[in-house]
All heavy atoms as atom14 arrays in JSON, in Angstrom:
{
  "sequence": "RKVRANLEKSRAEDEAAQYDSEYKRLTEAIAQKRADRMALLNGA",
  "atom14_mask": [
    [1, 1, 1, 1, 1, 1, 1, 1, 1, 1, 1, 0, 0, 0],
    [1, 1, 1, 1, 1, 1, 1, 1, 1, 0, 0, 0, 0, 0],
    [1, 1, 1, 1, 1, 1, 1, 0, 0, 0, 0, 0, 0, 0],
    [1, 1, 1, 1, 1, 1, 1, 1, 1, 1, 1, 0, 0, 0],
    [1, 1, 1, 1, 1, 0, 0, 0, 0, 0, 0, 0, 0, 0],
    [1, 1, 1, 1, 1, 1, 1, 1, 0, 0, 0, 0, 0, 0],
    [1, 1, 1, 1, 1, 1, 1, 1, 0, 0, 0, 0, 0, 0],
    [1, 1, 1, 1, 1, 1, 1, 1, 1, 0, 0, 0, 0, 0],
    [1, 1, 1, 1, 1, 1, 1, 1, 1, 0, 0, 0, 0, 0],
    [1, 1, 1, 1, 1, 1, 0, 0, 0, 0, 0, 0, 0, 0],
    [1, 1, 1, 1, 1, 1, 1, 1, 1, 1, 1, 0, 0, 0],
    [1, 1, 1, 1, 1, 0, 0, 0, 0, 0, 0, 0, 0, 0],
    [1, 1, 1, 1, 1, 1, 1, 1, 1, 0, 0, 0, 0, 0],
    [1, 1, 1, 1, 1, 1, 1, 1, 0, 0, 0, 0, 0, 0],
    [1, 1, 1, 1, 1, 1, 1, 1, 1, 0, 0, 0, 0, 0],
    [1, 1, 1, 1, 1, 0, 0, 0, 0, 0, 0, 0, 0, 0],
    [1, 1, 1, 1, 1, 0, 0, 0, 0, 0, 0, 0, 0, 0],
    [1, 1, 1, 1, 1, 1, 1, 1, 1, 0, 0, 0, 0, 0],
    [1, 1, 1, 1, 1, 1, 1, 1, 1, 1, 1, 1, 0, 0],
    [1, 1, 1, 1, 1, 1, 1, 1, 0, 0, 0, 0, 0, 0],
    [1, 1, 1, 1, 1, 1, 0, 0, 0, 0, 0, 0, 0, 0],
    [1, 1, 1, 1, 1, 1, 1, 1, 1, 0, 0, 0, 0, 0],
    [1, 1, 1, 1, 1, 1, 1, 1, 1, 1, 1, 1, 0, 0],
    [1, 1, 1, 1, 1, 1, 1, 1, 1, 0, 0, 0, 0, 0],
    [1, 1, 1, 1, 1, 1, 1, 1, 1, 1, 1, 0, 0, 0],
    [1, 1, 1, 1, 1, 1, 1, 1, 0, 0, 0, 0, 0, 0],
    [1, 1, 1, 1, 1, 1, 1, 0, 0, 0, 0, 0, 0, 0],
    [1, 1, 1, 1, 1, 1, 1, 1, 1, 0, 0, 0, 0, 0],
    [1, 1, 1, 1, 1, 0, 0, 0, 0, 0, 0, 0, 0, 0],
    [1, 1, 1, 1, 1, 1, 1, 1, 0, 0, 0, 0, 0, 0],
    [1, 1, 1, 1, 1, 0, 0, 0, 0, 0, 0, 0, 0, 0],
    [1, 1, 1, 1, 1, 1, 1, 1, 1, 0, 0, 0, 0, 0],
    [1, 1, 1, 1, 1, 1, 1, 1, 1, 0, 0, 0, 0, 0],
    [1, 1, 1, 1, 1, 1, 1, 1, 1, 1, 1, 0, 0, 0],
    [1, 1, 1, 1, 1, 0, 0, 0, 0, 0, 0, 0, 0, 0],
    [1, 1, 1, 1, 1, 1, 1, 1, 0, 0, 0, 0, 0, 0],
    [1, 1, 1, 1, 1, 1, 1, 1, 1, 1, 1, 0, 0, 0],
    [1, 1, 1, 1, 1, 1, 1, 1, 0, 0, 0, 0, 0, 0],
    [1, 1, 1, 1, 1, 0, 0, 0, 0, 0, 0, 0, 0, 0],
    [1, 1, 1, 1, 1, 1, 1, 1, 0, 0, 0, 0, 0, 0],
    [1, 1, 1, 1, 1, 1, 1, 1, 0, 0, 0, 0, 0, 0],
    [1, 1, 1, 1, 1, 1, 1, 1, 0, 0, 0, 0, 0, 0],
    [1, 1, 1, 1, 0, 0, 0, 0, 0, 0, 0, 0, 0, 0],
    [1, 1, 1, 1, 1, 0, 0, 0, 0, 0, 0, 0, 0, 0]
  ],
  "atom14_positions": [
    [[-68.42, -166.44, -43.25], [-69.08, -165.36, -43.98], [-69.7, -164.37, -42.98], [-69.61, -163.15, -43.14], [-70.17, -165.94, -44.88], [-70.8, -164.92, -45.83], [-71.91, -165.53, -46.66], [-73.08, -165.91, -45.88], [-73.95, -165.02, -45.38], [-73.78, -163.73, -45.55], [-74.99, -165.45, -44.69], [0.0, 0.0, 0.0], [0.0, 0.0, 0.0], [0.0, 0.0, 0.0]],
    [[-70.31, -164.94, -41.92], [-70.93, -164.07, -40.9], [-69.88, -163.25, -40.16], [-70.04, -162.06, -39.89], [-71.74, -164.92, -39.92], [-72.99, -165.5, -40.54], [-73.75, -166.37, -39.54], [-75.03, -166.9, -40.16], [-75.73, -167.81, -39.24], [0.0, 0.0, 0.0], [0.0, 0.0, 0.0], [0.0, 0.0, 0.0], [0.0, 0.0, 0.0], [0.0, 0.0, 0.0]],
    [[-68.76, -163.95, -39.83], [-67.68, -163.24, -39.13], [-67.21, -162.06, -39.98], [-67.04, -160.94, -39.5], [-66.5, -164.18, -38.82], [-65.3, -163.4, -38.3], [-66.93, -165.21, -37.78], [0.0, 0.0, 0.0], [0.0, 0.0, 0.0], [0.0, 0.0, 0.0], [0.0, 0.0, 0.0], [0.0, 0.0, 0.0], [0.0, 0.0, 0.0], [0.0, 0.0, 0.0]],
    [[-67.0, -162.33, -41.29], [-66.54, -161.26, -42.18], [-67.55, -160.11, -42.24], [-67.19, -158.94, -42.21], [-66.32, -161.81, -43.6], [-64.97, -162.49, -43.79], [-64.65, -162.7, -45.26], [-65.68, -163.49, -45.96], [-65.69, -164.83, -46.0], [-64.73, -165.52, -45.38], [-66.65, -165.46, -46.66], [0.0, 0.0, 0.0], [0.0, 0.0, 0.0], [0.0, 0.0, 0.0]],
    [[-68.85, -160.47, -42.28], [-69.89, -159.43, -42.32], [-69.81, -158.56, -41.07], [-69.89, -157.33, -41.14], [-71.26, -160.08, -42.45], [0.0, 0.0, 0.0], [0.0, 0.0, 0.0], [0.0, 0.0, 0.0], [0.0, 0.0, 0.0], [0.0, 0.0, 0.0], [0.0, 0.0, 0.0], [0.0, 0.0, 0.0], [0.0, 0.0, 0.0], [0.0, 0.0, 0.0]],
    [[-69.65, -159.22, -39.9], [-69.55, -158.45, -38.65], [-68.36, -157.52, -38.67], [-68.43, -156.35, -38.26], [-69.44, -159.4, -37.45], [-70.78, -160.07, -37.14], [-71.8, -159.7, -37.74], [-70.79, -161.05, -36.26], [0.0, 0.0, 0.0], [0.0, 0.0, 0.0], [0.0, 0.0, 0.0], [0.0, 0.0, 0.0], [0.0, 0.0, 0.0], [0.0, 0.0, 0.0]],
    [[-67.19, -158.05, -39.12], [-65.98, -157.22, -39.18], [-66.19, -156.02, -40.08], [-65.81, -154.89, -39.77], [-64.78, -158.05, -39.68], [-64.22, -159.07, -38.69], [-63.21, -159.98, -39.37], [-63.57, -158.35, -37.49], [0.0, 0.0, 0.0], [0.0, 0.0, 0.0], [0.0, 0.0, 0.0], [0.0, 0.0, 0.0], [0.0, 0.0, 0.0], [0.0, 0.0, 0.0]],
    [[-66.84, -156.27, -41.23], [-67.08, -155.18, -42.19], [-67.98, -154.11, -41.58], [-67.73, -152.92, -41.72], [-67.71, -155.77, -43.44], [-67.65, -154.82, -44.63], [-68.23, -155.45, -45.89], [-68.29, -156.7, -45.98], [-68.61, -154.67, -46.77], [0.0, 0.0, 0.0], [0.0, 0.0, 0.0], [0.0, 0.0, 0.0], [0.0, 0.0, 0.0], [0.0, 0.0, 0.0]],
    [[-69.01, -154.56, -40.87], [-69.92, -153.58, -40.26], [-69.19, -152.74, -39.22], [-69.33, -151.52, -39.18], [-71.12, -154.28, -39.63], [-72.18, -153.31, -39.13], [-73.4, -154.01, -38.59], [-74.42, -153.05, -37.99], [-75.27, -152.41, -39.02], [0.0, 0.0, 0.0], [0.0, 0.0, 0.0], [0.0, 0.0, 0.0], [0.0, 0.0, 0.0], [0.0, 0.0, 0.0]],
    [[-68.38, -153.39, -38.37], [-67.73, -152.59, -37.32], [-66.68, -151.66, -37.93], [-66.47, -150.55, -37.45], [-67.15, -153.48, -36.21], [-65.9, -153.99, -36.61], [0.0, 0.0, 0.0], [0.0, 0.0, 0.0], [0.0, 0.0, 0.0], [0.0, 0.0, 0.0], [0.0, 0.0, 0.0], [0.0, 0.0, 0.0], [0.0, 0.0, 0.0], [0.0, 0.0, 0.0]],
    [[-66.03, -152.11, -39.03], [-65.11, -151.22, -39.72], [-65.85, -149.98, -40.25], [-65.41, -148.85, -40.11], [-64.44, -151.97, -40.88], [-62.97, -151.6, -41.04], [-62.22, -152.27, -42.17], [-63.0, -152.98, -43.17], [-62.99, -154.3, -43.28], [-62.3, -155.05, -42.44], [-63.7, -154.88, -44.24], [0.0, 0.0, 0.0], [0.0, 0.0, 0.0], [0.0, 0.0, 0.0]],
    [[-67.02, -150.21, -40.85], [-67.82, -149.11, -41.39], [-68.23, -148.16, -40.28], [-68.2, -146.93, -40.43], [-69.04, -149.66, -42.11], [0.0, 0.0, 0.0], [0.0, 0.0, 0.0], [0.0, 0.0, 0.0], [0.0, 0.0, 0.0], [0.0, 0.0, 0.0], [0.0, 0.0, 0.0], [0.0, 0.0, 0.0], [0.0, 0.0, 0.0], [0.0, 0.0, 0.0]],
    [[-68.61, -148.72, -39.11], [-69.01, -147.87, -37.98], [-67.84, -147.02, -37.5], [-68.0, -145.84, -37.2], [-69.57, -148.73, -36.85], [-70.98, -149.21, -37.14], [-71.46, -150.32, -36.2], [-70.62, -150.89, -35.46], [-72.66, -150.6, -36.22], [0.0, 0.0, 0.0], [0.0, 0.0, 0.0], [0.0, 0.0, 0.0], [0.0, 0.0, 0.0], [0.0, 0.0, 0.0]],
    [[-66.66, -147.64, -37.42], [-65.45, -146.89, -37.02], [-65.21, -145.72, -37.96], [-64.91, -144.61, -37.53], [-64.2, -147.81, -37.04], [-64.2, -148.75, -35.86], [-65.07, -148.56, -34.97], [-63.35, -149.67, -35.81], [0.0, 0.0, 0.0], [0.0, 0.0, 0.0], [0.0, 0.0, 0.0], [0.0, 0.0, 0.0], [0.0, 0.0, 0.0], [0.0, 0.0, 0.0]],
    [[-65.32, -146.02, -39.26], [-65.08, -144.97, -40.25], [-66.05, -143.81, -40.06], [-65.67, -142.66, -40.07], [-65.26, -145.56, -41.66], [-64.02, -145.41, -42.52], [-64.23, -145.97, -43.92], [-65.39, -146.26, -44.29], [-63.24, -146.11, -44.64], [0.0, 0.0, 0.0], [0.0, 0.0, 0.0], [0.0, 0.0, 0.0], [0.0, 0.0, 0.0], [0.0, 0.0, 0.0]],
    [[-67.33, -144.15, -39.88], [-68.34, -143.11, -39.69], [-68.01, -142.28, -38.45], [-68.1, -141.05, -38.47], [-69.72, -143.75, -39.54], [0.0, 0.0, 0.0], [0.0, 0.0, 0.0], [0.0, 0.0, 0.0], [0.0, 0.0, 0.0], [0.0, 0.0, 0.0], [0.0, 0.0, 0.0], [0.0, 0.0, 0.0], [0.0, 0.0, 0.0], [0.0, 0.0, 0.0]],
    [[-67.59, -142.94, -37.38], [-67.25, -142.22, -36.15], [-66.07, -141.29, -36.37], [-66.03, -140.18, -35.84], [-66.95, -143.22, -35.03], [0.0, 0.0, 0.0], [0.0, 0.0, 0.0], [0.0, 0.0, 0.0], [0.0, 0.0, 0.0], [0.0, 0.0, 0.0], [0.0, 0.0, 0.0], [0.0, 0.0, 0.0], [0.0, 0.0, 0.0], [0.0, 0.0, 0.0]],
    [[-65.08, -141.76, -37.17], [-63.91, -140.92, -37.46], [-64.33, -139.62, -38.15], [-63.92, -138.54, -37.76], [-62.96, -141.67, -38.39], [-61.75, -142.26, -37.68], [-61.0, -143.19, -38.62], [-61.6, -143.99, -39.32], [-59.69, -143.07, -38.64], [0.0, 0.0, 0.0], [0.0, 0.0, 0.0], [0.0, 0.0, 0.0], [0.0, 0.0, 0.0], [0.0, 0.0, 0.0]],
    [[-65.18, -139.75, -39.19], [-65.63, -138.55, -39.9], [-66.41, -137.64, -38.97], [-66.34, -136.43, -39.03], [-66.49, -138.93, -41.11], [-65.66, -139.32, -42.31], [-65.53, -140.64, -42.71], [-64.97, -138.35, -43.03], [-64.74, -141.0, -43.79], [-64.18, -138.69, -44.12], [-64.07, -140.02, -44.5], [-63.29, -140.34, -45.56], [0.0, 0.0, 0.0], [0.0, 0.0, 0.0]],
    [[-67.18, -138.26, -38.09], [-67.98, -137.49, -37.14], [-67.08, -136.65, -36.24], [-67.32, -135.47, -36.02], [-68.82, -138.47, -36.3], [-70.03, -137.78, -35.74], [-70.64, -136.99, -36.48], [-70.34, -138.01, -34.56], [0.0, 0.0, 0.0], [0.0, 0.0, 0.0], [0.0, 0.0, 0.0], [0.0, 0.0, 0.0], [0.0, 0.0, 0.0], [0.0, 0.0, 0.0]],
    [[-65.99, -137.27, -35.74], [-65.13, -136.49, -34.83], [-64.34, -135.44, -35.61], [-64.06, -134.35, -35.1], [-64.19, -137.42, -34.04], [-63.19, -137.91, -34.9], [0.0, 0.0, 0.0], [0.0, 0.0, 0.0], [0.0, 0.0, 0.0], [0.0, 0.0, 0.0], [0.0, 0.0, 0.0], [0.0, 0.0, 0.0], [0.0, 0.0, 0.0], [0.0, 0.0, 0.0]],
    [[-64.01, -135.73, -36.89], [-63.36, -134.72, -37.74], [-64.29, -133.52, -37.92], [-63.87, -132.36, -37.87], [-63.02, -135.35, -39.09], [-62.51, -134.4, -40.16], [-61.13, -133.82, -39.86], [-60.54, -134.14, -38.79], [-60.64, -133.05, -40.69], [0.0, 0.0, 0.0], [0.0, 0.0, 0.0], [0.0, 0.0, 0.0], [0.0, 0.0, 0.0], [0.0, 0.0, 0.0]],
    [[-65.6, -133.8, -38.1], [-66.59, -132.72, -38.23], [-66.59, -131.84, -36.99], [-66.57, -130.62, -37.06], [-67.97, -133.33, -38.45], [-69.06, -132.33, -38.74], [-69.31, -131.9, -40.04], [-69.84, -131.8, -37.71], [-70.29, -130.99, -40.31], [-70.83, -130.87, -37.98], [-71.06, -130.47, -39.28], [-72.04, -129.55, -39.55], [0.0, 0.0, 0.0], [0.0, 0.0, 0.0]],
    [[-66.56, -132.5, -35.81], [-66.55, -131.72, -34.56], [-65.28, -130.89, -34.44], [-65.3, -129.75, -34.0], [-66.66, -132.68, -33.36], [-68.02, -133.34, -33.24], [-68.2, -134.01, -31.87], [-69.56, -134.65, -31.7], [-69.73, -135.89, -32.5], [0.0, 0.0, 0.0], [0.0, 0.0, 0.0], [0.0, 0.0, 0.0], [0.0, 0.0, 0.0], [0.0, 0.0, 0.0]],
    [[-64.14, -131.5, -34.86], [-62.87, -130.76, -34.78], [-62.92, -129.51, -35.66], [-62.5, -128.43, -35.25], [-61.72, -131.67, -35.24], [-60.33, -131.12, -34.96], [-59.24, -131.93, -35.63], [-59.31, -131.88, -37.08], [-58.97, -130.83, -37.82], [-58.56, -129.72, -37.23], [-59.05, -130.87, -39.13], [0.0, 0.0, 0.0], [0.0, 0.0, 0.0], [0.0, 0.0, 0.0]],
    [[-63.47, -129.67, -36.88], [-63.58, -128.53, -37.79], [-64.5, -127.46, -37.21], [-64.25, -126.27, -37.35], [-64.09, -128.98, -39.16], [-63.07, -129.75, -40.01], [-63.75, -130.42, -41.18], [-61.97, -128.83, -40.51], [0.0, 0.0, 0.0], [0.0, 0.0, 0.0], [0.0, 0.0, 0.0], [0.0, 0.0, 0.0], [0.0, 0.0, 0.0], [0.0, 0.0, 0.0]],
    [[-65.58, -127.89, -36.55], [-66.49, -126.93, -35.93], [-65.74, -126.08, -34.9], [-65.89, -124.87, -34.85], [-67.67, -127.68, -35.25], [-68.32, -128.46, -36.25], [-68.66, -126.7, -34.64], [0.0, 0.0, 0.0], [0.0, 0.0, 0.0], [0.0, 0.0, 0.0], [0.0, 0.0, 0.0], [0.0, 0.0, 0.0], [0.0, 0.0, 0.0], [0.0, 0.0, 0.0]],
    [[-64.92, -126.76, -34.08], [-64.13, -126.02, -33.08], [-63.15, -125.06, -33.76], [-62.98, -123.92, -33.33], [-63.36, -126.99, -32.18], [-64.25, -127.63, -31.11], [-63.64, -128.89, -30.5], [-62.4, -129.02, -30.53], [-64.41, -129.73, -30.01], [0.0, 0.0, 0.0], [0.0, 0.0, 0.0], [0.0, 0.0, 0.0], [0.0, 0.0, 0.0], [0.0, 0.0, 0.0]],
    [[-62.53, -125.54, -34.86], [-61.56, -124.69, -35.57], [-62.25, -123.44, -36.11], [-61.71, -122.33, -36.04], [-60.91, -125.48, -36.72], [0.0, 0.0, 0.0], [0.0, 0.0, 0.0], [0.0, 0.0, 0.0], [0.0, 0.0, 0.0], [0.0, 0.0, 0.0], [0.0, 0.0, 0.0], [0.0, 0.0, 0.0], [0.0, 0.0, 0.0], [0.0, 0.0, 0.0]],
    [[-63.48, -123.63, -36.64], [-64.22, -122.47, -37.17], [-64.52, -121.49, -36.05], [-64.32, -120.28, -36.18], [-65.53, -122.93, -37.86], [-65.2, -123.63, -39.18], [-66.46, -121.76, -38.11], [-66.37, -124.32, -39.84], [0.0, 0.0, 0.0], [0.0, 0.0, 0.0], [0.0, 0.0, 0.0], [0.0, 0.0, 0.0], [0.0, 0.0, 0.0], [0.0, 0.0, 0.0]],
    [[-64.97, -122.01, -34.91], [-65.29, -121.13, -33.77], [-64.05, -120.35, -33.36], [-64.12, -119.13, -33.1], [-65.8, -121.97, -32.61], [0.0, 0.0, 0.0], [0.0, 0.0, 0.0], [0.0, 0.0, 0.0], [0.0, 0.0, 0.0], [0.0, 0.0, 0.0], [0.0, 0.0, 0.0], [0.0, 0.0, 0.0], [0.0, 0.0, 0.0], [0.0, 0.0, 0.0]],
    [[-62.9, -121.03, -33.33], [-61.65, -120.37, -32.94], [-61.29, -119.26, -33.93], [-60.97, -118.14, -33.53], [-60.52, -121.42, -32.88], [-59.18, -120.88, -32.4], [-59.27, -120.19, -31.05], [-59.85, -120.72, -30.11], [-58.77, -118.96, -30.96], [0.0, 0.0, 0.0], [0.0, 0.0, 0.0], [0.0, 0.0, 0.0], [0.0, 0.0, 0.0], [0.0, 0.0, 0.0]],
    [[-61.39, -119.59, -35.24], [-61.07, -118.6, -36.28], [-61.99, -117.39, -36.17], [-61.56, -116.26, -36.31], [-61.24, -119.21, -37.67], [-60.07, -120.07, -38.1], [-59.01, -119.28, -38.84], [-57.9, -120.16, -39.33], [-56.59, -119.74, -38.85], [0.0, 0.0, 0.0], [0.0, 0.0, 0.0], [0.0, 0.0, 0.0], [0.0, 0.0, 0.0], [0.0, 0.0, 0.0]],
    [[-63.28, -117.67, -35.92], [-64.23, -116.55, -35.8], [-63.87, -115.68, -34.6], [-63.96, -114.46, -34.66], [-65.66, -117.08, -35.66], [-66.19, -117.73, -36.91], [-67.7, -117.87, -36.83], [-68.35, -116.6, -37.06], [-68.81, -116.21, -38.24], [-68.71, -116.99, -39.27], [-69.38, -115.04, -38.38], [0.0, 0.0, 0.0], [0.0, 0.0, 0.0], [0.0, 0.0, 0.0]],
    [[-63.45, -116.34, -33.52], [-63.07, -115.58, -32.32], [-61.84, -114.71, -32.62], [-61.79, -113.53, -32.25], [-62.79, -116.53, -31.17], [0.0, 0.0, 0.0], [0.0, 0.0, 0.0], [0.0, 0.0, 0.0], [0.0, 0.0, 0.0], [0.0, 0.0, 0.0], [0.0, 0.0, 0.0], [0.0, 0.0, 0.0], [0.0, 0.0, 0.0], [0.0, 0.0, 0.0]],
    [[-60.85, -115.31, -33.33], [-59.67, -114.53, -33.72], [-60.07, -113.32, -34.54], [-59.56, -112.22, -34.37], [-58.71, -115.39, -34.58], [-58.08, -116.5, -33.76], [-58.23, -116.47, -32.52], [-57.44, -117.39, -34.35], [0.0, 0.0, 0.0], [0.0, 0.0, 0.0], [0.0, 0.0, 0.0], [0.0, 0.0, 0.0], [0.0, 0.0, 0.0], [0.0, 0.0, 0.0]],
    [[-61.02, -113.57, -35.48], [-61.44, -112.5, -36.37], [-62.12, -111.38, -35.57], [-61.87, -110.2, -35.79], [-62.43, -113.1, -37.37], [-62.99, -112.13, -38.37], [-64.1, -112.82, -39.15], [-64.55, -111.96, -40.23], [-65.35, -110.93, -40.05], [-65.75, -110.6, -38.84], [-65.73, -110.19, -41.09], [0.0, 0.0, 0.0], [0.0, 0.0, 0.0], [0.0, 0.0, 0.0]],
    [[-62.98, -111.79, -34.62], [-63.63, -110.78, -33.77], [-62.59, -110.0, -32.98], [-62.66, -108.79, -32.84], [-64.61, -111.46, -32.79], [-65.94, -111.83, -33.41], [-66.7, -110.49, -34.37], [-67.13, -109.36, -33.03], [0.0, 0.0, 0.0], [0.0, 0.0, 0.0], [0.0, 0.0, 0.0], [0.0, 0.0, 0.0], [0.0, 0.0, 0.0], [0.0, 0.0, 0.0]],
    [[-61.59, -110.73, -32.47], [-60.55, -110.07, -31.68], [-59.81, -109.04, -32.53], [-59.47, -107.95, -32.07], [-59.58, -111.11, -31.13], [0.0, 0.0, 0.0], [0.0, 0.0, 0.0], [0.0, 0.0, 0.0], [0.0, 0.0, 0.0], [0.0, 0.0, 0.0], [0.0, 0.0, 0.0], [0.0, 0.0, 0.0], [0.0, 0.0, 0.0], [0.0, 0.0, 0.0]],
    [[-59.61, -109.41, -33.81], [-58.92, -108.51, -34.72], [-59.72, -107.22, -34.88], [-59.19, -106.11, -34.78], [-58.75, -109.19, -36.08], [-57.94, -108.47, -37.14], [-56.48, -108.36, -36.71], [-58.0, -109.22, -38.47], [0.0, 0.0, 0.0], [0.0, 0.0, 0.0], [0.0, 0.0, 0.0], [0.0, 0.0, 0.0], [0.0, 0.0, 0.0], [0.0, 0.0, 0.0]],
    [[-61.05, -107.38, -35.07], [-61.91, -106.19, -35.22], [-62.0, -105.41, -33.91], [-61.93, -104.19, -33.89], [-63.31, -106.62, -35.64], [-63.58, -106.62, -37.14], [-64.98, -107.13, -37.4], [-63.46, -105.22, -37.73], [0.0, 0.0, 0.0], [0.0, 0.0, 0.0], [0.0, 0.0, 0.0], [0.0, 0.0, 0.0], [0.0, 0.0, 0.0], [0.0, 0.0, 0.0]],
    [[-62.13, -106.18, -32.78], [-62.28, -105.49, -31.5], [-61.01, -104.75, -31.12], [-61.05, -103.72, -30.45], [-62.67, -106.49, -30.4], [-64.04, -107.09, -30.67], [-64.84, -106.51, -31.4], [-64.32, -108.25, -30.13], [0.0, 0.0, 0.0], [0.0, 0.0, 0.0], [0.0, 0.0, 0.0], [0.0, 0.0, 0.0], [0.0, 0.0, 0.0], [0.0, 0.0, 0.0]],
    [[-59.87, -105.34, -31.54], [-58.61, -104.69, -31.2], [-58.33, -103.49, -32.08], [-57.48, -102.66, -31.76], [0.0, 0.0, 0.0], [0.0, 0.0, 0.0], [0.0, 0.0, 0.0], [0.0, 0.0, 0.0], [0.0, 0.0, 0.0], [0.0, 0.0, 0.0], [0.0, 0.0, 0.0], [0.0, 0.0, 0.0], [0.0, 0.0, 0.0], [0.0, 0.0, 0.0]],
    [[-59.05, -103.4, -33.22], [-58.78, -102.29, -34.14], [-59.29, -100.99, -33.55], [-60.21, -100.99, -32.73], [-59.47, -102.57, -35.47], [0.0, 0.0, 0.0], [0.0, 0.0, 0.0], [0.0, 0.0, 0.0], [0.0, 0.0, 0.0], [0.0, 0.0, 0.0], [0.0, 0.0, 0.0], [0.0, 0.0, 0.0], [0.0, 0.0, 0.0], [0.0, 0.0, 0.0]]
  ]
}
């Protein structure tokens, strides 16, 4: 039962970390899009 509890906790931690890195990836994507948008205006 304890082994299963440990496995479940580490699985949950992995999942949380995955969402966390997805959040960071989206943040970078937003920054990139904003830069593209600025470039579009600056190039106009």
